[in-house]
């Protein structure tokens, strides 16, 4: 709809139709009542105008039926908007299980991307058509916003935490990518492209490029380089807890509360380990704030996730999941 009109990019994702439908519904409701009210104002101004200098109007006591009518009708219209909007919101912010995961890091003024097989991109994102894709996003410096107009999806990329964005591309093509949050002097140049490809073409692209280490492999190496394995051991209890099969599970803290071991918790455990101390352990873990980049944090988290079957990232489209060593053969990253 309106494909040649610059304010309406083509619909190229499964979410686009839902977003446009509620948008046009709200525009239609707004236009209807704006025209109705403006028309009534003009009509009443003409009908009830003063015709003689000494003319005096008479009091109108109102109508209960009319008052109820213009209260109930807007209420139901607003409730339709609310329920419909809530459904679209939850659909857009709940990635389906098995979505292909890709790491995205925003940095002044570029987008850095790493696929789970190690393939890297800058200011581009290649994805397969017809498969849900989940972006796990972080920022190295300031607030950014990842915005793909043709997919009707946008999410803030926030320093100090991770955010997620997912979509399912439905049409092969190249689409604009923007940063939608002012992030500095070169904000307008922080643009890129999303390339949606047929599954076989995506697989050929994925296989044809020179891939670096996968995030899991890079995270495992970094884990050992940082000597984390001296405290976090896989086969036996060390000075830090074992996190094998921990991702997505509740963790009991010293104060008796519990927290789910998700990406946010793992990140905080690395950069601010004193914030949440695991029950039964001493607060002796040093902070790695400033010692590892946002990309390295994502790699460490990817490695920890790989130790749990629930946390293992789905393999890219058309590829089989890489074999990873058994948990008993390697160290584990965990918060003390």
C-alpha atoms as a PDB file:
ATOM      1  CA  UNK A   1       0.000   0.000   0.000  1.00  0.00           C
ATOM      2  CA  UNK A   2       1.369   3.441  -0.964  1.00  0.00           C
ATOM      3  CA  UNK A   3       4.610   1.757  -2.088  1.00  0.00           C
ATOM      4  CA  UNK A   4       5.626   4.813  -4.112  1.00  0.00           C
ATOM      5  CA  UNK A   5       4.833   7.273  -1.327  1.00  0.00           C
ATOM      6  CA  UNK A   6       7.966   8.049   0.730  1.00  0.00           C
ATOM      7  CA  UNK A   7       6.114   8.099   4.039  1.00  0.00           C
ATOM      8  CA  UNK A   8       4.984   4.500   3.546  1.00  0.00           C
ATOM      9  CA  UNK A   9       7.827   2.041   2.858  1.00  0.00           C
ATOM     10  CA  UNK A  10       6.830  -1.304   1.438  1.00  0.00           C
ATOM     11  CA  UNK A  11       5.801  -4.053   3.822  1.00  0.00           C
ATOM     12  CA  UNK A  12       8.680  -6.525   3.937  1.00  0.00           C
ATOM     13  CA  UNK A  13       8.183  -8.382   7.230  1.00  0.00           C
ATOM     14  CA  UNK A  14       5.541 -10.427   8.988  1.00  0.00           C
ATOM     15  CA  UNK A  15       5.083  -7.610  11.522  1.00  0.00           C
ATOM     16  CA  UNK A  16       4.613  -4.842   8.966  1.00  0.00           C
ATOM     17  CA  UNK A  17       1.001  -5.698   8.152  1.00  0.00           C
ATOM     18  CA  UNK A  18      -0.027  -5.701  11.823  1.00  0.00           C
ATOM     19  CA  UNK A  19       1.632  -2.355  12.500  1.00  0.00           C
ATOM     20  CA  UNK A  20       0.135  -0.714   9.418  1.00  0.00           C
ATOM     21  CA  UNK A  21      -3.333  -2.058  10.160  1.00  0.00           C
ATOM     22  CA  UNK A  22      -3.550  -0.526  13.630  1.00  0.00           C
ATOM     23  CA  UNK A  23      -1.856   2.651  12.417  1.00  0.00           C
ATOM     24  CA  UNK A  24      -4.367   3.213   9.621  1.00  0.00           C
ATOM     25  CA  UNK A  25      -7.245   2.335  11.959  1.00  0.00           C
ATOM     26  CA  UNK A  26      -6.126   5.037  14.396  1.00  0.00           C
ATOM     27  CA  UNK A  27      -5.641   7.514  11.548  1.00  0.00           C
ATOM     28  CA  UNK A  28      -9.136   6.724  10.262  1.00  0.00           C
ATOM     29  CA  UNK A  29     -10.721   7.176  13.700  1.00  0.00           C
ATOM     30  CA  UNK A  30      -8.839  10.440  14.209  1.00  0.00           C
ATOM     31  CA  UNK A  31      -9.822  11.757  10.780  1.00  0.00           C
ATOM     32  CA  UNK A  32     -13.476  10.767  11.251  1.00  0.00           C
ATOM     33  CA  UNK A  33     -13.896  12.540  14.583  1.00  0.00           C
ATOM     34  CA  UNK A  34     -11.814  15.542  13.518  1.00  0.00           C
ATOM     35  CA  UNK A  35     -14.018  16.087  10.472  1.00  0.00           C
ATOM     36  CA  UNK A  36     -17.193  15.365  12.458  1.00  0.00           C
ATOM     37  CA  UNK A  37     -16.329  17.801  15.251  1.00  0.00           C
ATOM     38  CA  UNK A  38     -15.103  20.515  12.877  1.00  0.00           C
ATOM     39  CA  UNK A  39     -18.265  20.108  10.774  1.00  0.00           C
ATOM     40  CA  UNK A  40     -20.537  20.325  13.814  1.00  0.00           C
ATOM     41  CA  UNK A  41     -18.723  23.430  15.059  1.00  0.00           C
ATOM     42  CA  UNK A  42     -19.298  25.147  11.724  1.00  0.00           C
ATOM     43  CA  UNK A  43     -22.913  23.923  11.468  1.00  0.00           C
ATOM     44  CA  UNK A  44     -23.804  24.989  15.006  1.00  0.00           C
ATOM     45  CA  UNK A  45     -22.051  28.323  14.559  1.00  0.00           C
ATOM     46  CA  UNK A  46     -24.268  29.024  11.564  1.00  0.00           C
ATOM     47  CA  UNK A  47     -27.501  27.571  12.966  1.00  0.00           C
ATOM     48  CA  UNK A  48     -27.292  29.160  16.401  1.00  0.00           C
ATOM     49  CA  UNK A  49     -25.708  32.482  15.456  1.00  0.00           C
ATOM     50  CA  UNK A  50     -27.145  35.691  16.900  1.00  0.00           C
ATOM     51  CA  UNK A  51     -29.534  37.154  14.351  1.00  0.00           C
ATOM     52  CA  UNK A  52     -30.562  40.332  16.247  1.00  0.00           C
ATOM     53  CA  UNK A  53     -28.594  42.654  18.513  1.00  0.00           C
ATOM     54  CA  UNK A  54     -30.995  42.138  21.434  1.00  0.00           C
ATOM     55  CA  UNK A  55     -31.414  38.394  20.909  1.00  0.00           C
ATOM     56  CA  UNK A  56     -30.737  36.266  24.046  1.00  0.00           C
ATOM     57  CA  UNK A  57     -30.209  32.513  23.984  1.00  0.00           C
ATOM     58  CA  UNK A  58     -32.109  30.101  26.185  1.00  0.00           C
ATOM     59  CA  UNK A  59     -30.685  27.604  28.658  1.00  0.00           C
ATOM     60  CA  UNK A  60     -30.139  24.017  27.497  1.00  0.00           C
ATOM     61  CA  UNK A  61     -30.282  21.444  30.302  1.00  0.00           C
ATOM     62  CA  UNK A  62     -28.731  18.639  28.296  1.00  0.00           C
ATOM     63  CA  UNK A  63     -29.689  15.041  27.672  1.00  0.00           C
ATOM     64  CA  UNK A  64     -28.631  12.037  29.749  1.00  0.00           C
ATOM     65  CA  UNK A  65     -28.923   9.746  26.729  1.00  0.00           C
ATOM     66  CA  UNK A  66     -26.661  12.018  24.672  1.00  0.00           C
ATOM     67  CA  UNK A  67     -24.098  12.271  27.504  1.00  0.00           C
ATOM     68  CA  UNK A  68     -23.987   8.481  27.842  1.00  0.00           C
ATOM     69  CA  UNK A  69     -23.705   8.090  24.081  1.00  0.00           C
ATOM     70  CA  UNK A  70     -20.625  10.262  23.672  1.00  0.00           C
ATOM     71  CA  UNK A  71     -19.050   8.649  26.731  1.00  0.00           C
ATOM     72  CA  UNK A  72     -19.671   4.993  25.866  1.00  0.00           C
ATOM     73  CA  UNK A  73     -18.767   5.175  22.159  1.00  0.00           C
ATOM     74  CA  UNK A  74     -15.297   6.740  22.704  1.00  0.00           C
ATOM     75  CA  UNK A  75     -14.686   4.298  25.571  1.00  0.00           C
ATOM     76  CA  UNK A  76     -15.248   1.279  23.349  1.00  0.00           C
ATOM     77  CA  UNK A  77     -13.153   2.776  20.553  1.00  0.00           C
ATOM     78  CA  UNK A  78     -10.276   3.417  22.968  1.00  0.00           C
ATOM     79  CA  UNK A  79     -10.561  -0.114  24.375  1.00  0.00           C
ATOM     80  CA  UNK A  80     -10.365  -1.551  20.839  1.00  0.00           C
ATOM     81  CA  UNK A  81      -7.183   0.473  20.295  1.00  0.00           C
ATOM     82  CA  UNK A  82      -5.758  -0.679  23.613  1.00  0.00           C
ATOM     83  CA  UNK A  83      -6.448  -4.401  23.159  1.00  0.00           C
ATOM     84  CA  UNK A  84      -5.361  -4.379  19.527  1.00  0.00           C
ATOM     85  CA  UNK A  85      -2.234  -2.366  20.315  1.00  0.00           C
ATOM     86  CA  UNK A  86      -1.353  -4.629  23.252  1.00  0.00           C
ATOM     87  CA  UNK A  87      -1.616  -7.713  21.037  1.00  0.00           C
ATOM     88  CA  UNK A  88       0.636  -6.168  18.387  1.00  0.00           C
ATOM     89  CA  UNK A  89       3.094  -5.066  21.084  1.00  0.00           C
ATOM     90  CA  UNK A  90       3.375  -8.503  22.656  1.00  0.00           C
ATOM     91  CA  UNK A  91       3.672 -10.160  19.260  1.00  0.00           C
ATOM     92  CA  UNK A  92       6.502  -7.795  18.299  1.00  0.00           C
ATOM     93  CA  UNK A  93       8.444  -8.084  21.559  1.00  0.00           C
ATOM     94  CA  UNK A  94       8.188 -11.839  22.131  1.00  0.00           C
ATOM     95  CA  UNK A  95      10.634 -13.633  19.828  1.00  0.00           C
ATOM     96  CA  UNK A  96       9.467 -17.122  18.885  1.00  0.00           C
ATOM     97  CA  UNK A  97      11.447 -20.126  20.075  1.00  0.00           C
ATOM     98  CA  UNK A  98      14.093 -21.229  17.619  1.00  0.00           C
ATOM     99  CA  UNK A  99      14.640 -17.787  16.086  1.00  0.00           C
ATOM    100  CA  UNK A 100      18.046 -17.359  14.475  1.00  0.00           C
ATOM    101  CA  UNK A 101      20.152 -15.176  16.768  1.00  0.00           C
ATOM    102  CA  UNK A 102      22.552 -12.448  15.650  1.00  0.00           C
ATOM    103  CA  UNK A 103      24.627 -10.113  17.827  1.00  0.00           C
ATOM    104  CA  UNK A 104      24.537  -6.380  17.057  1.00  0.00           C
ATOM    105  CA  UNK A 105      26.710  -3.735  18.718  1.00  0.00           C
ATOM    106  CA  UNK A 106      26.112  -0.035  18.158  1.00  0.00           C
ATOM    107  CA  UNK A 107      29.111   2.279  18.195  1.00  0.00           C
ATOM    108  CA  UNK A 108      29.573   5.881  17.123  1.00  0.00           C
ATOM    109  CA  UNK A 109      28.882   5.758  14.246  1.00  0.00           C
ATOM    110  CA  UNK A 110      28.433   2.236  12.901  1.00  0.00           C
ATOM    111  CA  UNK A 111      26.597  -1.040  13.413  1.00  0.00           C
ATOM    112  CA  UNK A 112      28.787  -4.083  14.055  1.00  0.00           C
ATOM    113  CA  UNK A 113      27.164  -7.478  13.441  1.00  0.00           C
ATOM    114  CA  UNK A 114      28.296 -11.013  14.193  1.00  0.00           C
ATOM    115  CA  UNK A 115      26.445 -14.163  13.145  1.00  0.00           C
ATOM    116  CA  UNK A 116      26.593 -17.293  15.282  1.00  0.00           C
ATOM    117  CA  UNK A 117      28.948 -19.014  12.857  1.00  0.00           C
ATOM    118  CA  UNK A 118      31.423 -16.134  13.161  1.00  0.00           C
ATOM    119  CA  UNK A 119      30.530 -14.183  10.007  1.00  0.00           C
ATOM    120  CA  UNK A 120      30.931 -10.436  10.637  1.00  0.00           C
ATOM    121  CA  UNK A 121      29.404  -7.381   8.994  1.00  0.00           C
ATOM    122  CA  UNK A 122      29.570  -3.612   9.424  1.00  0.00           C
ATOM    123  CA  UNK A 123      26.521  -1.477   8.590  1.00  0.00           C
ATOM    124  CA  UNK A 124      24.928  -4.453   6.843  1.00  0.00           C
ATOM    125  CA  UNK A 125      22.766  -7.314   8.005  1.00  0.00           C
ATOM    126  CA  UNK A 126      22.086 -10.367   5.845  1.00  0.00           C
ATOM    127  CA  UNK A 127      19.079 -12.469   6.863  1.00  0.00           C
ATOM    128  CA  UNK A 128      17.068 -15.284   5.289  1.00  0.00           C
ATOM    129  CA  UNK A 129      13.501 -14.792   4.114  1.00  0.00           C
ATOM    130  CA  UNK A 130      10.838 -16.727   6.002  1.00  0.00           C
ATOM    131  CA  UNK A 131      12.797 -17.406   9.192  1.00  0.00           C
ATOM    132  CA  UNK A 132      12.421 -15.464  12.460  1.00  0.00           C
ATOM    133  CA  UNK A 133      15.587 -13.539  13.316  1.00  0.00           C
ATOM    134  CA  UNK A 134      16.349 -12.262  16.816  1.00  0.00           C
ATOM    135  CA  UNK A 135      18.899  -9.490  17.283  1.00  0.00           C
ATOM    136  CA  UNK A 136      20.632  -9.281  20.669  1.00  0.00           C
ATOM    137  CA  UNK A 137      21.866  -5.709  20.834  1.00  0.00           C
ATOM    138  CA  UNK A 138      24.215  -3.686  22.992  1.00  0.00           C
ATOM    139  CA  UNK A 139      25.988  -0.333  22.788  1.00  0.00           C
ATOM    140  CA  UNK A 140      29.657   0.487  23.302  1.00  0.00           C
ATOM    141  CA  UNK A 141      29.112   4.168  24.028  1.00  0.00           C
ATOM    142  CA  UNK A 142      25.818   6.090  23.900  1.00  0.00           C
ATOM    143  CA  UNK A 143      22.151   5.443  23.241  1.00  0.00           C
ATOM    144  CA  UNK A 144      21.352   4.316  19.697  1.00  0.00           C
ATOM    145  CA  UNK A 145      18.190   2.947  18.079  1.00  0.00           C
ATOM    146  CA  UNK A 146      18.021   0.170  15.484  1.00  0.00           C
ATOM    147  CA  UNK A 147      15.298   1.004  12.980  1.00  0.00           C
ATOM    148  CA  UNK A 148      14.256  -0.868   9.820  1.00  0.00           C
ATOM    149  CA  UNK A 149      11.296   1.055   8.297  1.00  0.00           C
ATOM    150  CA  UNK A 150      10.316  -1.631   5.770  1.00  0.00           C
ATOM    151  CA  UNK A 151      10.048  -4.171   8.599  1.00  0.00           C
ATOM    152  CA  UNK A 152       8.226  -1.724  10.919  1.00  0.00           C
ATOM    153  CA  UNK A 153      10.554  -2.626  13.799  1.00  0.00           C
ATOM    154  CA  UNK A 154      12.651  -0.377  16.013  1.00  0.00           C
ATOM    155  CA  UNK A 155      14.371  -0.861  19.373  1.00  0.00           C
ATOM    156  CA  UNK A 156      16.716   1.253  21.454  1.00  0.00           C
ATOM    157  CA  UNK A 157      20.297   0.036  21.830  1.00  0.00           C
ATOM    158  CA  UNK A 158      21.183   1.025  25.377  1.00  0.00           C
ATOM    159  CA  UNK A 159      24.636   1.194  26.980  1.00  0.00           C
ATOM    160  CA  UNK A 160      24.959  -1.027  30.035  1.00  0.00           C
ATOM    161  CA  UNK A 161      22.225  -3.486  29.106  1.00  0.00           C
ATOM    162  CA  UNK A 162      20.952  -5.678  26.288  1.00  0.00           C
ATOM    163  CA  UNK A 163      17.843  -5.262  24.237  1.00  0.00           C
ATOM    164  CA  UNK A 164      16.211  -7.574  21.720  1.00  0.00           C
ATOM    165  CA  UNK A 165      14.527  -7.043  18.388  1.00  0.00           C
ATOM    166  CA  UNK A 166      13.024  -9.702  16.155  1.00  0.00           C
ATOM    167  CA  UNK A 167      11.405  -9.915  12.753  1.00  0.00           C
ATOM    168  CA  UNK A 168      10.627 -12.306   9.937  1.00  0.00           C
ATOM    169  CA  UNK A 169      11.519 -10.974   6.490  1.00  0.00           C
ATOM    170  CA  UNK A 170       8.927 -11.879   3.849  1.00  0.00           C
ATOM    171  CA  UNK A 171      10.407 -10.341   0.691  1.00  0.00           C
ATOM    172  CA  UNK A 172      13.900 -10.638  -0.701  1.00  0.00           C
ATOM    173  CA  UNK A 173      15.543  -7.261  -1.221  1.00  0.00           C
ATOM    174  CA  UNK A 174      17.748  -4.574   0.281  1.00  0.00           C
ATOM    175  CA  UNK A 175      16.161  -2.282   2.869  1.00  0.00           C
ATOM    176  CA  UNK A 176      17.255   0.849   4.686  1.00  0.00           C
ATOM    177  CA  UNK A 177      18.660   0.695   8.207  1.00  0.00           C
ATOM    178  CA  UNK A 178      18.807   3.827  10.363  1.00  0.00           C
ATOM    179  CA  UNK A 179      19.812   4.920  13.831  1.00  0.00           C
ATOM    180  CA  UNK A 180      16.638   6.570  15.098  1.00  0.00           C
ATOM    181  CA  UNK A 181      18.123   8.134  18.246  1.00  0.00           C
ATOM    182  CA  UNK A 182      20.413  11.176  18.111  1.00  0.00           C
ATOM    183  CA  UNK A 183      23.820   9.815  19.100  1.00  0.00           C
ATOM    184  CA  UNK A 184      26.308  12.540  18.219  1.00  0.00           C
ATOM    185  CA  UNK A 185      27.618  14.734  15.443  1.00  0.00           C
ATOM    186  CA  UNK A 186      27.608  11.989  12.793  1.00  0.00           C
ATOM    187  CA  UNK A 187      24.241  10.519  13.767  1.00  0.00           C
ATOM    188  CA  UNK A 188      22.828  11.135  10.286  1.00  0.00           C
ATOM    189  CA  UNK A 189      25.592   8.999   8.801  1.00  0.00           C
ATOM    190  CA  UNK A 190      24.869   6.001  11.006  1.00  0.00           C
ATOM    191  CA  UNK A 191      22.962   4.163   8.310  1.00  0.00           C
ATOM    192  CA  UNK A 192      23.170   0.766   6.687  1.00  0.00           C
ATOM    193  CA  UNK A 193      21.290  -1.917   4.793  1.00  0.00           C
ATOM    194  CA  UNK A 194      19.377  -5.052   5.653  1.00  0.00           C
ATOM    195  CA  UNK A 195      19.645  -7.633   2.889  1.00  0.00           C
ATOM    196  CA  UNK A 196      16.852 -10.226   2.928  1.00  0.00           C
ATOM    197  CA  UNK A 197      17.779 -13.286   0.856  1.00  0.00           C
ATOM    198  CA  UNK A 198      16.098 -16.487  -0.163  1.00  0.00           C
ATOM    199  CA  UNK A 199      17.233 -19.315   2.158  1.00  0.00           C
ATOM    200  CA  UNK A 200      19.493 -20.962  -0.440  1.00  0.00           C
ATOM    201  CA  UNK A 201      21.063 -17.604  -1.351  1.00  0.00           C
ATOM    202  CA  UNK A 202      21.594 -16.783   2.312  1.00  0.00           C
ATOM    203  CA  UNK A 203      23.271 -20.127   2.870  1.00  0.00           C
ATOM    204  CA  UNK A 204      25.553 -19.508  -0.122  1.00  0.00           C
ATOM    205  CA  UNK A 205      26.445 -16.066   1.260  1.00  0.00           C
ATOM    206  CA  UNK A 206      27.056 -17.513   4.711  1.00  0.00           C
ATOM    207  CA  UNK A 207      29.331 -20.192   3.309  1.00  0.00           C
ATOM    208  CA  UNK A 208      31.151 -17.961   0.848  1.00  0.00           C
ATOM    209  CA  UNK A 209      32.479 -15.345   3.239  1.00  0.00           C
ATOM    210  CA  UNK A 210      35.583 -15.613   5.341  1.00  0.00           C
ATOM    211  CA  UNK A 211      34.157 -16.296   8.785  1.00  0.00           C
ATOM    212  CA  UNK A 212      36.095 -15.556  11.938  1.00  0.00           C
ATOM    213  CA  UNK A 213      35.744 -17.482  15.177  1.00  0.00           C
ATOM    214  CA  UNK A 214      32.195 -18.071  16.298  1.00  0.00           C
ATOM    215  CA  UNK A 215      31.078 -16.090  19.353  1.00  0.00           C
ATOM    216  CA  UNK A 216      31.138 -19.312  21.395  1.00  0.00           C
ATOM    217  CA  UNK A 217      34.703 -20.185  20.384  1.00  0.00           C
ATOM    218  CA  UNK A 218      35.902 -16.607  20.866  1.00  0.00           C
ATOM    219  CA  UNK A 219      34.203 -16.470  24.270  1.00  0.00           C
ATOM    220  CA  UNK A 220      35.801 -19.721  25.374  1.00  0.00           C
ATOM    221  CA  UNK A 221      39.255 -18.473  24.384  1.00  0.00           C
ATOM    222  CA  UNK A 222      38.677 -15.137  26.094  1.00  0.00           C
ATOM    223  CA  UNK A 223      37.477 -16.943  29.199  1.00  0.00           C
ATOM    224  CA  UNK A 224      40.763 -18.786  29.420  1.00  0.00           C
ATOM    225  CA  UNK A 225      42.856 -15.720  28.528  1.00  0.00           C
ATOM    226  CA  UNK A 226      41.265 -13.829  31.416  1.00  0.00           C
ATOM    227  CA  UNK A 227      42.078 -16.820  33.717  1.00  0.00           C
ATOM    228  CA  UNK A 228      38.439 -17.119  34.713  1.00  0.00           C
ATOM    229  CA  UNK A 229      38.929 -20.900  34.747  1.00  0.00           C
ATOM    230  CA  UNK A 230      41.041 -20.646  37.898  1.00  0.00           C
ATOM    231  CA  UNK A 231      37.911 -19.859  39.913  1.00  0.00           C
ATOM    232  CA  UNK A 232      35.111 -21.281  37.786  1.00  0.00           C
ATOM    233  CA  UNK A 233      35.579 -24.981  37.238  1.00  0.00           C
ATOM    234  CA  UNK A 234      33.346 -27.389  35.390  1.00  0.00           C
ATOM    235  CA  UNK A 235      34.174 -30.685  37.032  1.00  0.00           C
ATOM    236  CA  UNK A 236      34.255 -29.501  40.632  1.00  0.00           C
ATOM    237  CA  UNK A 237      33.132 -26.628  42.825  1.00  0.00           C
ATOM    238  CA  UNK A 238      35.667 -23.775  42.800  1.00  0.00           C
ATOM    239  CA  UNK A 239      35.634 -20.319  44.312  1.00  0.00           C
ATOM    240  CA  UNK A 240      32.880 -19.479  41.868  1.00  0.00           C
ATOM    241  CA  UNK A 241      29.688 -21.438  41.178  1.00  0.00           C
ATOM    242  CA  UNK A 242      29.407 -23.822  38.238  1.00  0.00           C
ATOM    243  CA  UNK A 243      27.050 -22.505  35.588  1.00  0.00           C
ATOM    244  CA  UNK A 244      26.585 -25.604  33.487  1.00  0.00           C
ATOM    245  CA  UNK A 245      22.897 -25.776  32.513  1.00  0.00           C
ATOM    246  CA  UNK A 246      22.281 -22.555  34.430  1.00  0.00           C
ATOM    247  CA  UNK A 247      21.197 -20.196  31.655  1.00  0.00           C
ATOM    248  CA  UNK A 248      17.517 -19.375  31.967  1.00  0.00           C
ATOM    249  CA  UNK A 249      17.305 -20.901  35.441  1.00  0.00           C
ATOM    250  CA  UNK A 250      16.726 -19.042  38.745  1.00  0.00           C
ATOM    251  CA  UNK A 251      19.787 -18.193  40.840  1.00  0.00           C
ATOM    252  CA  UNK A 252      19.496 -17.775  44.615  1.00  0.00           C
ATOM    253  CA  UNK A 253      21.327 -14.752  45.998  1.00  0.00           C
ATOM    254  CA  UNK A 254      22.805 -14.049  49.423  1.00  0.00           C
ATOM    255  CA  UNK A 255      19.877 -11.852  50.430  1.00  0.00           C
ATOM    256  CA  UNK A 256      17.453 -14.723  49.759  1.00  0.00           C
ATOM    257  CA  UNK A 257      16.041 -13.292  46.545  1.00  0.00           C
ATOM    258  CA  UNK A 258      16.210 -15.030  43.180  1.00  0.00           C
ATOM    259  CA  UNK A 259      17.103 -13.791  39.727  1.00  0.00           C
ATOM    260  CA  UNK A 260      16.913 -15.485  36.339  1.00  0.00           C
ATOM    261  CA  UNK A 261      20.303 -16.117  34.725  1.00  0.00           C
ATOM    262  CA  UNK A 262      19.686 -14.344  31.425  1.00  0.00           C
ATOM    263  CA  UNK A 263      21.967 -12.199  29.265  1.00  0.00           C
ATOM    264  CA  UNK A 264      21.466  -9.153  31.480  1.00  0.00           C
ATOM    265  CA  UNK A 265      22.383 -11.037  34.642  1.00  0.00           C
ATOM    266  CA  UNK A 266      25.480 -12.576  33.048  1.00  0.00           C
ATOM    267  CA  UNK A 267      26.624  -9.186  31.778  1.00  0.00           C
ATOM    268  CA  UNK A 268      26.191  -7.613  35.196  1.00  0.00           C
ATOM    269  CA  UNK A 269      28.046 -10.537  36.756  1.00  0.00           C
ATOM    270  CA  UNK A 270      31.084  -9.701  34.626  1.00  0.00           C
ATOM    271  CA  UNK A 271      31.164  -5.905  34.815  1.00  0.00           C
ATOM    272  CA  UNK A 272      29.691  -5.440  38.307  1.00  0.00           C
ATOM    273  CA  UNK A 273      30.056  -8.754  40.170  1.00  0.00           C
ATOM    274  CA  UNK A 274      29.323  -7.219  43.578  1.00  0.00           C
ATOM    275  CA  UNK A 275      25.790  -6.214  42.578  1.00  0.00           C
ATOM    276  CA  UNK A 276      24.280  -9.680  43.026  1.00  0.00           C
ATOM    277  CA  UNK A 277      26.235 -12.209  45.103  1.00  0.00           C
ATOM    278  CA  UNK A 278      25.284 -15.851  44.675  1.00  0.00           C
ATOM    279  CA  UNK A 279      24.302 -17.600  47.904  1.00  0.00           C
ATOM    280  CA  UNK A 280      27.160 -19.597  49.403  1.00  0.00           C
ATOM    281  CA  UNK A 281      29.972 -17.606  47.741  1.00  0.00           C
ATOM    282  CA  UNK A 282      32.168 -14.725  48.809  1.00  0.00           C
ATOM    283  CA  UNK A 283      32.266 -11.371  46.949  1.00  0.00           C
ATOM    284  CA  UNK A 284      35.819 -11.863  45.696  1.00  0.00           C
ATOM    285  CA  UNK A 285      35.326 -11.655  41.932  1.00  0.00           C
ATOM    286  CA  UNK A 286      37.025  -8.565  40.405  1.00  0.00           C
ATOM    287  CA  UNK A 287      35.214  -6.367  37.929  1.00  0.00           C
ATOM    288  CA  UNK A 288      36.030  -6.581  34.243  1.00  0.00           C
ATOM    289  CA  UNK A 289      34.488  -3.197  33.497  1.00  0.00           C
ATOM    290  CA  UNK A 290      36.706  -1.503  30.919  1.00  0.00           C
ATOM    291  CA  UNK A 291      38.804  -4.634  30.403  1.00  0.00           C
ATOM    292  CA  UNK A 292      36.508  -6.214  27.847  1.00  0.00           C
ATOM    293  CA  UNK A 293      34.572  -4.587  25.033  1.00  0.00           C
ATOM    294  CA  UNK A 294      30.862  -4.960  24.436  1.00  0.00           C
ATOM    295  CA  UNK A 295      31.593  -7.465  21.673  1.00  0.00           C
ATOM    296  CA  UNK A 296      33.750  -9.512  24.042  1.00  0.00           C
ATOM    297  CA  UNK A 297      31.014  -9.428  26.668  1.00  0.00           C
ATOM    298  CA  UNK A 298      28.582 -10.867  24.130  1.00  0.00           C
ATOM    299  CA  UNK A 299      31.135 -13.559  23.263  1.00  0.00           C
ATOM    300  CA  UNK A 300      31.604 -14.510  26.915  1.00  0.00           C
ATOM    301  CA  UNK A 301      27.843 -14.644  27.391  1.00  0.00           C
ATOM    302  CA  UNK A 302      27.478 -16.733  24.241  1.00  0.00           C
ATOM    303  CA  UNK A 303      30.025 -19.190  25.649  1.00  0.00           C
ATOM    304  CA  UNK A 304      28.199 -19.437  28.973  1.00  0.00           C
ATOM    305  CA  UNK A 305      24.922 -19.969  27.142  1.00  0.00           C
ATOM    306  CA  UNK A 306      26.469 -22.760  25.092  1.00  0.00           C
ATOM    307  CA  UNK A 307      27.052 -24.729  28.302  1.00  0.00           C
ATOM    308  CA  UNK A 308      23.306 -24.997  28.740  1.00  0.00           C
ATOM    309  CA  UNK A 309      21.103 -26.828  26.276  1.00  0.00           C
ATOM    310  CA  UNK A 310      18.348 -24.319  26.924  1.00  0.00           C
ATOM    311  CA  UNK A 311      20.677 -21.403  26.268  1.00  0.00           C
ATOM    312  CA  UNK A 312      22.378 -22.737  23.131  1.00  0.00           C
ATOM    313  CA  UNK A 313      21.673 -20.420  20.203  1.00  0.00           C
ATOM    314  CA  UNK A 314      19.862 -21.915  17.183  1.00  0.00           C
ATOM    315  CA  UNK A 315      22.124 -22.531  14.214  1.00  0.00           C
ATOM    316  CA  UNK A 316      21.928 -20.250  11.155  1.00  0.00           C
ATOM    317  CA  UNK A 317      19.434 -21.206   8.448  1.00  0.00           C
ATOM    318  CA  UNK A 318      20.553 -24.137   6.399  1.00  0.00           C
ATOM    319  CA  UNK A 319      23.451 -25.047   8.667  1.00  0.00           C
ATOM    320  CA  UNK A 320      23.815 -27.630  11.333  1.00  0.00           C
ATOM    321  CA  UNK A 321      24.666 -26.644  14.853  1.00  0.00           C
ATOM    322  CA  UNK A 322      28.406 -26.821  15.495  1.00  0.00           C
ATOM    323  CA  UNK A 323      29.641 -29.510  17.805  1.00  0.00           C
ATOM    324  CA  UNK A 324      30.812 -28.109  21.085  1.00  0.00           C
ATOM    325  CA  UNK A 325      32.920 -29.752  23.761  1.00  0.00           C
ATOM    326  CA  UNK A 326      31.240 -31.390  26.697  1.00  0.00           C
ATOM    327  CA  UNK A 327      30.882 -29.236  29.784  1.00  0.00           C
ATOM    328  CA  UNK A 328      33.142 -31.622  31.686  1.00  0.00           C
ATOM    329  CA  UNK A 329      36.000 -30.899  29.267  1.00  0.00           C
ATOM    330  CA  UNK A 330      36.178 -27.160  29.724  1.00  0.00           C
ATOM    331  CA  UNK A 331      35.837 -24.388  32.316  1.00  0.00           C
ATOM    332  CA  UNK A 332      32.696 -22.416  32.943  1.00  0.00           C
ATOM    333  CA  UNK A 333      32.167 -18.679  33.346  1.00  0.00           C
ATOM    334  CA  UNK A 334      30.199 -17.761  36.419  1.00  0.00           C
ATOM    335  CA  UNK A 335      29.640 -15.020  38.864  1.00  0.00           C
ATOM    336  CA  UNK A 336      30.997 -15.436  42.327  1.00  0.00           C
END
